[in-house]
C-alpha atoms as a PDB file:
ATOM      1  CA  UNK A   1     -14.867  10.336  -6.525  1.00  0.00           C
ATOM      2  CA  UNK A   2     -14.761   7.330  -8.850  1.00  0.00           C
ATOM      3  CA  UNK A   3     -11.149   7.997  -9.786  1.00  0.00           C
ATOM      4  CA  UNK A   4     -10.153   8.573  -6.172  1.00  0.00           C
ATOM      5  CA  UNK A   5     -11.736   5.311  -5.063  1.00  0.00           C
ATOM      6  CA  UNK A   6      -9.908   3.451  -7.847  1.00  0.00           C
ATOM      7  CA  UNK A   7      -6.659   5.238  -6.893  1.00  0.00           C
ATOM      8  CA  UNK A   8      -7.095   4.216  -3.252  1.00  0.00           C
ATOM      9  CA  UNK A   9      -7.728   0.585  -4.122  1.00  0.00           C
ATOM     10  CA  UNK A  10      -4.945   0.205  -6.681  1.00  0.00           C
ATOM     11  CA  UNK A  11      -2.225   2.588  -5.490  1.00  0.00           C
ATOM     12  CA  UNK A  12      -2.659   2.717  -1.705  1.00  0.00           C
ATOM     13  CA  UNK A  13      -4.229  -0.586  -0.686  1.00  0.00           C
ATOM     14  CA  UNK A  14      -2.820  -2.375  -3.743  1.00  0.00           C
ATOM     15  CA  UNK A  15      -5.601  -4.971  -3.830  1.00  0.00           C
ATOM     16  CA  UNK A  16      -7.864  -6.357  -6.582  1.00  0.00           C
ATOM     17  CA  UNK A  17     -11.577  -5.608  -6.475  1.00  0.00           C
ATOM     18  CA  UNK A  18     -12.435  -9.054  -5.176  1.00  0.00           C
ATOM     19  CA  UNK A  19     -10.160  -8.581  -2.159  1.00  0.00           C
ATOM     20  CA  UNK A  20     -11.688  -5.200  -1.419  1.00  0.00           C
ATOM     21  CA  UNK A  21     -15.156  -6.745  -1.584  1.00  0.00           C
ATOM     22  CA  UNK A  22     -14.215  -9.485   0.870  1.00  0.00           C
ATOM     23  CA  UNK A  23     -12.754  -6.922   3.276  1.00  0.00           C
ATOM     24  CA  UNK A  24     -15.665  -4.466   3.310  1.00  0.00           C
ATOM     25  CA  UNK A  25     -18.314  -7.207   3.358  1.00  0.00           C
ATOM     26  CA  UNK A  26     -17.106  -8.239   6.812  1.00  0.00           C
ATOM     27  CA  UNK A  27     -18.561  -4.950   8.050  1.00  0.00           C
ATOM     28  CA  UNK A  28     -21.752  -4.890   5.968  1.00  0.00           C
ATOM     29  CA  UNK A  29     -25.156  -6.409   6.670  1.00  0.00           C
ATOM     30  CA  UNK A  30     -26.250  -9.059   4.183  1.00  0.00           C
ATOM     31  CA  UNK A  31     -28.439  -6.735   2.048  1.00  0.00           C
ATOM     32  CA  UNK A  32     -25.639  -4.169   1.729  1.00  0.00           C
ATOM     33  CA  UNK A  33     -22.818  -6.518   0.750  1.00  0.00           C
ATOM     34  CA  UNK A  34     -21.071  -5.769  -2.521  1.00  0.00           C
ATOM     35  CA  UNK A  35     -19.617  -7.767  -5.365  1.00  0.00           C
ATOM     36  CA  UNK A  36     -16.976  -7.014  -7.965  1.00  0.00           C
ATOM     37  CA  UNK A  37     -19.576  -5.571 -10.346  1.00  0.00           C
ATOM     38  CA  UNK A  38     -20.758  -3.091  -7.721  1.00  0.00           C
ATOM     39  CA  UNK A  39     -17.245  -1.956  -6.856  1.00  0.00           C
ATOM     40  CA  UNK A  40     -16.446  -1.650 -10.545  1.00  0.00           C
ATOM     41  CA  UNK A  41     -19.493   0.592 -10.932  1.00  0.00           C
ATOM     42  CA  UNK A  42     -18.409   2.652  -7.924  1.00  0.00           C
ATOM     43  CA  UNK A  43     -15.054   3.188  -9.621  1.00  0.00           C
ATOM     44  CA  UNK A  44     -16.622   4.243 -12.935  1.00  0.00           C
ATOM     45  CA  UNK A  45     -20.047   5.839 -12.596  1.00  0.00           C
ATOM     46  CA  UNK A  46     -22.214   5.055  -9.569  1.00  0.00           C
ATOM     47  CA  UNK A  47     -21.954   6.937  -6.284  1.00  0.00           C
ATOM     48  CA  UNK A  48     -20.963   4.552  -3.456  1.00  0.00           C
ATOM     49  CA  UNK A  49     -23.535   3.968  -0.752  1.00  0.00           C
ATOM     50  CA  UNK A  50     -22.902   5.417   2.691  1.00  0.00           C
ATOM     51  CA  UNK A  51     -22.783   1.923   4.201  1.00  0.00           C
ATOM     52  CA  UNK A  52     -19.996   0.989   1.777  1.00  0.00           C
ATOM     53  CA  UNK A  53     -17.978   4.092   2.672  1.00  0.00           C
ATOM     54  CA  UNK A  54     -18.415   3.411   6.386  1.00  0.00           C
ATOM     55  CA  UNK A  55     -17.203  -0.163   5.920  1.00  0.00           C
ATOM     56  CA  UNK A  56     -14.272   0.996   3.789  1.00  0.00           C
ATOM     57  CA  UNK A  57     -13.231   3.345   6.586  1.00  0.00           C
ATOM     58  CA  UNK A  58     -13.328   0.465   9.065  1.00  0.00           C
ATOM     59  CA  UNK A  59     -11.088  -1.630   6.830  1.00  0.00           C
ATOM     60  CA  UNK A  60      -8.686   1.273   6.207  1.00  0.00           C
ATOM     61  CA  UNK A  61      -8.758   3.535   9.284  1.00  0.00           C
ATOM     62  CA  UNK A  62      -6.240   5.983   7.831  1.00  0.00           C
ATOM     63  CA  UNK A  63      -8.379   6.661   4.744  1.00  0.00           C
ATOM     64  CA  UNK A  64      -9.311  10.340   4.651  1.00  0.00           C
ATOM     65  CA  UNK A  65     -13.010  10.242   3.748  1.00  0.00           C
ATOM     66  CA  UNK A  66     -13.057  14.005   3.131  1.00  0.00           C
ATOM     67  CA  UNK A  67     -10.488  13.461   0.388  1.00  0.00           C
ATOM     68  CA  UNK A  68     -12.381  10.485  -1.038  1.00  0.00           C
ATOM     69  CA  UNK A  69     -15.730  12.275  -1.131  1.00  0.00           C
ATOM     70  CA  UNK A  70     -14.763  15.868  -1.938  1.00  0.00           C
ATOM     71  CA  UNK A  71     -11.204  15.664  -3.261  1.00  0.00           C
ATOM     72  CA  UNK A  72     -10.003  18.050  -0.551  1.00  0.00           C
ATOM     73  CA  UNK A  73      -6.890  17.222   1.446  1.00  0.00           C
ATOM     74  CA  UNK A  74      -4.759  14.120   1.037  1.00  0.00           C
ATOM     75  CA  UNK A  75      -5.619  10.421   0.776  1.00  0.00           C
ATOM     76  CA  UNK A  76      -4.146   9.540   4.148  1.00  0.00           C
ATOM     77  CA  UNK A  77      -4.808  11.040   7.519  1.00  0.00           C
ATOM     78  CA  UNK A  78      -1.454  12.081   8.891  1.00  0.00           C
ATOM     79  CA  UNK A  79      -1.653  10.811  12.463  1.00  0.00           C
ATOM     80  CA  UNK A  80       0.570   7.918  13.460  1.00  0.00           C
ATOM     81  CA  UNK A  81      -2.442   5.669  13.951  1.00  0.00           C
ATOM     82  CA  UNK A  82      -2.456   2.356  12.126  1.00  0.00           C
ATOM     83  CA  UNK A  83      -3.185   1.997   8.448  1.00  0.00           C
ATOM     84  CA  UNK A  84      -4.955  -1.310   7.887  1.00  0.00           C
ATOM     85  CA  UNK A  85      -3.405  -2.317   4.597  1.00  0.00           C
ATOM     86  CA  UNK A  86      -3.922  -6.009   3.969  1.00  0.00           C
ATOM     87  CA  UNK A  87      -0.681  -7.942   4.199  1.00  0.00           C
ATOM     88  CA  UNK A  88      -0.961 -11.706   3.867  1.00  0.00           C
ATOM     89  CA  UNK A  89      -4.562 -11.598   5.004  1.00  0.00           C
ATOM     90  CA  UNK A  90      -4.102  -9.361   8.045  1.00  0.00           C
ATOM     91  CA  UNK A  91      -3.591  -5.695   8.847  1.00  0.00           C
ATOM     92  CA  UNK A  92      -0.107  -4.242   8.810  1.00  0.00           C
ATOM     93  CA  UNK A  93       0.844  -2.768  12.172  1.00  0.00           C
ATOM     94  CA  UNK A  94       3.967  -1.492  13.885  1.00  0.00           C
ATOM     95  CA  UNK A  95       5.183  -5.009  14.715  1.00  0.00           C
ATOM     96  CA  UNK A  96       4.922  -6.005  11.035  1.00  0.00           C
ATOM     97  CA  UNK A  97       6.827  -2.884  10.056  1.00  0.00           C
ATOM     98  CA  UNK A  98       9.478  -3.507  12.724  1.00  0.00           C
ATOM     99  CA  UNK A  99      10.047  -7.023  11.373  1.00  0.00           C
ATOM    100  CA  UNK A 100      10.613  -5.552   7.923  1.00  0.00           C
ATOM    101  CA  UNK A 101      12.956  -2.794   9.053  1.00  0.00           C
ATOM    102  CA  UNK A 102      15.037  -5.273  11.073  1.00  0.00           C
ATOM    103  CA  UNK A 103      16.053  -6.942   7.819  1.00  0.00           C
ATOM    104  CA  UNK A 104      19.443  -6.090   6.303  1.00  0.00           C
ATOM    105  CA  UNK A 105      19.407  -2.888   4.290  1.00  0.00           C
ATOM    106  CA  UNK A 106      16.028  -1.740   5.625  1.00  0.00           C
ATOM    107  CA  UNK A 107      17.010   0.163   8.771  1.00  0.00           C
ATOM    108  CA  UNK A 108      16.597   3.545   7.085  1.00  0.00           C
ATOM    109  CA  UNK A 109      12.870   2.886   6.599  1.00  0.00           C
ATOM    110  CA  UNK A 110      12.419   3.256  10.370  1.00  0.00           C
ATOM    111  CA  UNK A 111      12.067   6.998   9.780  1.00  0.00           C
ATOM    112  CA  UNK A 112       8.773   6.499   7.933  1.00  0.00           C
ATOM    113  CA  UNK A 113       5.510   7.281   9.738  1.00  0.00           C
ATOM    114  CA  UNK A 114       3.315   4.227  10.200  1.00  0.00           C
ATOM    115  CA  UNK A 115       0.893   4.904   7.299  1.00  0.00           C
ATOM    116  CA  UNK A 116       3.810   5.216   4.866  1.00  0.00           C
ATOM    117  CA  UNK A 117       5.537   2.156   6.291  1.00  0.00           C
ATOM    118  CA  UNK A 118       2.364   0.081   5.948  1.00  0.00           C
ATOM    119  CA  UNK A 119       2.025   1.094   2.310  1.00  0.00           C
ATOM    120  CA  UNK A 120       5.602  -0.100   1.817  1.00  0.00           C
ATOM    121  CA  UNK A 121       4.886  -3.406   3.586  1.00  0.00           C
ATOM    122  CA  UNK A 122       1.876  -4.054   1.351  1.00  0.00           C
ATOM    123  CA  UNK A 123       3.916  -3.278  -1.771  1.00  0.00           C
ATOM    124  CA  UNK A 124       6.747  -5.598  -0.737  1.00  0.00           C
ATOM    125  CA  UNK A 125       4.219  -8.355  -0.118  1.00  0.00           C
ATOM    126  CA  UNK A 126       3.017  -7.904  -3.706  1.00  0.00           C
ATOM    127  CA  UNK A 127       6.586  -8.165  -4.955  1.00  0.00           C
ATOM    128  CA  UNK A 128       7.267 -11.327  -2.972  1.00  0.00           C
ATOM    129  CA  UNK A 129       4.127 -12.954  -4.383  1.00  0.00           C
ATOM    130  CA  UNK A 130       5.256 -12.071  -7.898  1.00  0.00           C
ATOM    131  CA  UNK A 131       8.799 -13.460  -7.746  1.00  0.00           C
ATOM    132  CA  UNK A 132       9.255 -17.049  -6.514  1.00  0.00           C
ATOM    133  CA  UNK A 133      12.901 -16.553  -5.540  1.00  0.00           C
ATOM    134  CA  UNK A 134      11.833 -13.741  -3.186  1.00  0.00           C
ATOM    135  CA  UNK A 135       9.662 -16.044  -1.055  1.00  0.00           C
ATOM    136  CA  UNK A 136      12.558 -16.874   1.257  1.00  0.00           C
ATOM    137  CA  UNK A 137      13.318 -13.791   3.348  1.00  0.00           C
ATOM    138  CA  UNK A 138      16.821 -15.094   3.970  1.00  0.00           C
ATOM    139  CA  UNK A 139      17.642 -15.536   0.291  1.00  0.00           C
ATOM    140  CA  UNK A 140      20.385 -13.474  -1.297  1.00  0.00           C
ATOM    141  CA  UNK A 141      18.119 -12.342  -4.121  1.00  0.00           C
ATOM    142  CA  UNK A 142      15.492 -10.950  -1.683  1.00  0.00           C
ATOM    143  CA  UNK A 143      18.114  -9.125   0.354  1.00  0.00           C
ATOM    144  CA  UNK A 144      19.652  -7.684  -2.800  1.00  0.00           C
ATOM    145  CA  UNK A 145      16.231  -6.448  -3.862  1.00  0.00           C
ATOM    146  CA  UNK A 146      15.683  -4.727  -0.493  1.00  0.00           C
ATOM    147  CA  UNK A 147      19.101  -3.072  -0.739  1.00  0.00           C
ATOM    148  CA  UNK A 148      18.308  -1.720  -4.207  1.00  0.00           C
ATOM    149  CA  UNK A 149      14.888  -0.519  -3.080  1.00  0.00           C
ATOM    150  CA  UNK A 150      16.383   1.288  -0.110  1.00  0.00           C
ATOM    151  CA  UNK A 151      18.920   3.034  -2.319  1.00  0.00           C
ATOM    152  CA  UNK A 152      16.254   4.025  -4.854  1.00  0.00           C
ATOM    153  CA  UNK A 153      13.845   5.260  -2.185  1.00  0.00           C
ATOM    154  CA  UNK A 154      16.290   7.354  -0.184  1.00  0.00           C
ATOM    155  CA  UNK A 155      18.709   8.511  -2.875  1.00  0.00           C
ATOM    156  CA  UNK A 156      16.991  11.928  -3.236  1.00  0.00           C
ATOM    157  CA  UNK A 157      17.556  12.586   0.477  1.00  0.00           C
ATOM    158  CA  UNK A 158      21.223  11.720   0.683  1.00  0.00           C
ATOM    159  CA  UNK A 159      23.660  14.386   1.736  1.00  0.00           C
ATOM    160  CA  UNK A 160      27.433  14.140   1.604  1.00  0.00           C
ATOM    161  CA  UNK A 161      27.629  14.028   5.392  1.00  0.00           C
ATOM    162  CA  UNK A 162      24.486  12.544   6.853  1.00  0.00           C
ATOM    163  CA  UNK A 163      20.971  11.372   6.286  1.00  0.00           C
ATOM    164  CA  UNK A 164      18.583  14.297   6.722  1.00  0.00           C
ATOM    165  CA  UNK A 165      15.128  13.083   5.633  1.00  0.00           C
ATOM    166  CA  UNK A 166      13.482  13.831   8.989  1.00  0.00           C
ATOM    167  CA  UNK A 167      14.708  17.417   8.815  1.00  0.00           C
ATOM    168  CA  UNK A 168      13.310  17.875   5.305  1.00  0.00           C
ATOM    169  CA  UNK A 169       9.834  16.324   5.259  1.00  0.00           C
ATOM    170  CA  UNK A 170       6.820  16.075   7.551  1.00  0.00           C
ATOM    171  CA  UNK A 171       4.973  12.790   8.165  1.00  0.00           C
ATOM    172  CA  UNK A 172       2.348  13.813   5.626  1.00  0.00           C
ATOM    173  CA  UNK A 173       4.972  14.636   2.998  1.00  0.00           C
ATOM    174  CA  UNK A 174       6.824  11.370   3.620  1.00  0.00           C
ATOM    175  CA  UNK A 175       3.598   9.407   3.267  1.00  0.00           C
ATOM    176  CA  UNK A 176       2.751  11.080  -0.007  1.00  0.00           C
ATOM    177  CA  UNK A 177       6.330  10.606  -1.239  1.00  0.00           C
ATOM    178  CA  UNK A 178       5.978   6.897  -0.421  1.00  0.00           C
ATOM    179  CA  UNK A 179       2.743   6.751  -2.418  1.00  0.00           C
ATOM    180  CA  UNK A 180       4.491   8.369  -5.377  1.00  0.00           C
ATOM    181  CA  UNK A 181       7.451   5.966  -5.262  1.00  0.00           C
ATOM    182  CA  UNK A 182       5.218   2.907  -4.958  1.00  0.00           C
ATOM    183  CA  UNK A 183       3.066   4.207  -7.807  1.00  0.00           C
ATOM    184  CA  UNK A 184       6.157   4.514  -9.991  1.00  0.00           C
ATOM    185  CA  UNK A 185       7.205   0.942  -9.155  1.00  0.00           C
ATOM    186  CA  UNK A 186       3.823  -0.734  -9.673  1.00  0.00           C
ATOM    187  CA  UNK A 187       4.399  -1.294 -13.423  1.00  0.00           C
ATOM    188  CA  UNK A 188       7.444  -3.324 -12.402  1.00  0.00           C
ATOM    189  CA  UNK A 189       5.293  -5.550 -10.195  1.00  0.00           C
ATOM    190  CA  UNK A 190       2.749  -5.951 -12.993  1.00  0.00           C
ATOM    191  CA  UNK A 191       5.460  -7.073 -15.408  1.00  0.00           C
ATOM    192  CA  UNK A 192       6.879  -9.493 -12.827  1.00  0.00           C
ATOM    193  CA  UNK A 193       3.447 -11.027 -12.336  1.00  0.00           C
ATOM    194  CA  UNK A 194       2.931 -11.317 -16.067  1.00  0.00           C
ATOM    195  CA  UNK A 195       6.290 -13.044 -16.410  1.00  0.00           C
ATOM    196  CA  UNK A 196       5.430 -15.454 -13.601  1.00  0.00           C
ATOM    197  CA  UNK A 197       2.064 -16.295 -15.190  1.00  0.00           C
ATOM    198  CA  UNK A 198       3.706 -16.854 -18.572  1.00  0.00           C
ATOM    199  CA  UNK A 199       6.276 -19.147 -16.980  1.00  0.00           C
ATOM    200  CA  UNK A 200       3.653 -21.203 -15.155  1.00  0.00           C
ATOM    201  CA  UNK A 201       1.545 -21.614 -18.297  1.00  0.00           C
ATOM    202  CA  UNK A 202       4.435 -22.789 -20.465  1.00  0.00           C
END
């Protein structure tokens, strides 16, 4: 369970422990509120309290608690209900996703189910925070990045005649594929952040 909780926080939600604490504490009574040390313990050794798990589910409605607690099933529930991944302080929803997929080069991401699309939105927000020249959504560098991401993401599904991803994969499979792709790209984001920090300190 410890590893699954850490996986959810780092690979699905993509947030630091302090952000997770702030989010779940909104749904916890004063005596049950958690700090970074508590969450760190939950991710290493201590069993999370039921109140914490209930609050976590309220923050991330698509979290599959059966998976988190027992390891059975998949991290995300596969319905098209919203996945509350924090994006710039608020939950990602269909309107946020639609704004993203309206950008040049992103139209193919419209095939993603909402949980997968919200994971993508959260990841792209991380990238934008890590690279100053990506802050402007109209900049050439940001649009070039989105084009490259789209090619990388969908290249395995290309056919010589048409795009067939919806015929190949279910919503659940697409969501888990998205998790795998984002997981593979996270080291890139980490290196970008390290480069930005080094530049600001020099």
